[in-house]
Amino acid sequence: MIAYLVVSTIMFFAGVYGFVTRKNMLAMLISLELMLNAVDINFVVFNRYLFAIGIAAAETALAIAIIINIFRHIRNVEVRNLDKMKY
């Protein structure tokens, strides 16, 4: 069980690093998914399967919907271009 927690911790912090350093929203979503998968490993280790599956599905659907809407409006998914939507 400790090995799963170590792997989960490494995955989570790799996701945090990717989320902080990337400028592309799709790369940030992949990093966010890596963090979510690390949390899912913890849920599976502690026998909370259905909760993990529900959270993963909801988060993925919502994030992809937001990215698609942003792309439709500004034709770009770079984070630095999101200030154009303010006006």
Protein backbone atom coordinates (compact mmCIF):
# COMPACT_ATOMS: atom_id res chain seq x y z
CA MET A 1 0.00 0.00 0.00
CA ILE A 2 2.88 2.38 0.70
CA ALA A 3 4.23 1.80 -2.81
CA TYR A 4 0.94 2.97 -4.33
CA LEU A 5 1.02 6.11 -2.24
CA VAL A 6 4.59 6.87 -3.30
CA VAL A 7 3.72 6.42 -6.98
CA SER A 8 0.60 8.52 -6.50
CA THR A 9 2.59 11.32 -4.86
CA ILE A 10 5.16 11.36 -7.67
CA MET A 11 2.39 11.44 -10.29
CA PHE A 12 0.58 14.23 -8.50
CA PHE A 13 3.62 16.49 -8.24
CA ALA A 14 4.58 15.77 -11.87
CA GLY A 15 1.08 16.95 -12.78
CA VAL A 16 1.43 20.07 -10.65
CA TYR A 17 4.74 20.88 -12.34
CA GLY A 18 3.24 20.40 -15.79
CA PHE A 19 0.20 22.50 -14.93
CA VAL A 20 2.31 25.40 -13.65
CA THR A 21 4.87 25.41 -16.46
CA ARG A 22 2.65 24.89 -19.54
CA LYS A 23 0.96 27.68 -21.49
CA ASN A 24 -1.22 25.55 -23.77
CA MET A 25 -4.60 24.72 -22.27
CA LEU A 26 -4.58 21.19 -23.67
CA ALA A 27 -1.21 20.49 -22.05
CA MET A 28 -2.58 21.95 -18.82
CA LEU A 29 -5.59 19.63 -19.11
CA ILE A 30 -3.30 16.63 -19.54
CA SER A 31 -1.39 17.69 -16.42
CA LEU A 32 -4.65 18.10 -14.56
CA GLU A 33 -5.67 14.60 -15.66
CA LEU A 34 -2.36 13.27 -14.35
CA MET A 35 -3.12 14.84 -10.97
CA LEU A 36 -6.63 13.38 -11.05
CA ASN A 37 -5.26 9.93 -11.87
CA ALA A 38 -2.93 10.20 -8.89
CA VAL A 39 -5.91 10.95 -6.68
CA ASP A 40 -7.81 8.07 -8.30
CA ILE A 41 -5.01 5.70 -7.31
CA ASN A 42 -5.54 6.78 -3.71
CA PHE A 43 -9.29 6.21 -4.00
CA VAL A 44 -8.73 2.72 -5.42
CA VAL A 45 -6.25 1.85 -2.68
CA PHE A 46 -8.82 2.87 -0.07
CA ASN A 47 -11.76 1.16 -1.88
CA ARG A 48 -13.67 4.21 -3.17
CA TYR A 49 -14.06 3.12 -6.83
CA LEU A 50 -17.37 4.70 -7.84
CA PHE A 51 -16.48 8.10 -6.43
CA ALA A 52 -13.23 8.14 -8.41
CA ILE A 53 -14.94 7.18 -11.68
CA GLY A 54 -17.66 9.81 -11.28
CA ILE A 55 -15.24 12.61 -10.48
CA ALA A 56 -12.97 11.71 -13.41
CA ALA A 57 -15.81 11.65 -15.92
CA ALA A 58 -17.30 14.94 -14.75
CA GLU A 59 -13.98 16.77 -14.69
CA THR A 60 -12.95 15.61 -18.14
CA ALA A 61 -16.27 16.48 -19.76
CA LEU A 62 -16.37 19.92 -18.17
CA ALA A 63 -12.77 20.79 -19.04
CA ILE A 64 -13.07 19.72 -22.66
CA ALA A 65 -16.33 21.69 -23.03
CA ILE A 66 -14.66 24.82 -21.68
CA ILE A 67 -11.65 24.45 -23.98
CA ILE A 68 -13.89 23.91 -27.02
CA ASN A 69 -15.89 27.06 -26.22
CA ILE A 70 -12.72 29.09 -25.78
CA PHE A 71 -11.38 27.81 -29.09
CA ARG A 72 -14.63 28.73 -30.86
CA HIS A 73 -14.41 32.32 -29.62
CA ILE A 74 -10.72 33.19 -29.99
CA ARG A 75 -9.45 30.38 -32.30
CA ASN A 76 -6.54 29.65 -29.98
CA VAL A 77 -5.98 27.64 -26.80
CA GLU A 78 -2.94 29.47 -25.48
CA VAL A 79 -3.41 30.78 -21.95
CA ARG A 80 -1.81 34.15 -22.67
CA ASN A 81 -4.55 34.89 -25.24
CA LEU A 82 -7.43 34.45 -22.80
CA ASP A 83 -7.45 38.13 -21.81
CA LYS A 84 -9.09 38.85 -25.19
CA MET A 85 -12.33 37.35 -23.85
CA LYS A 86 -12.60 40.02 -21.13
CA TYR A 87 -13.72 42.73 -23.55
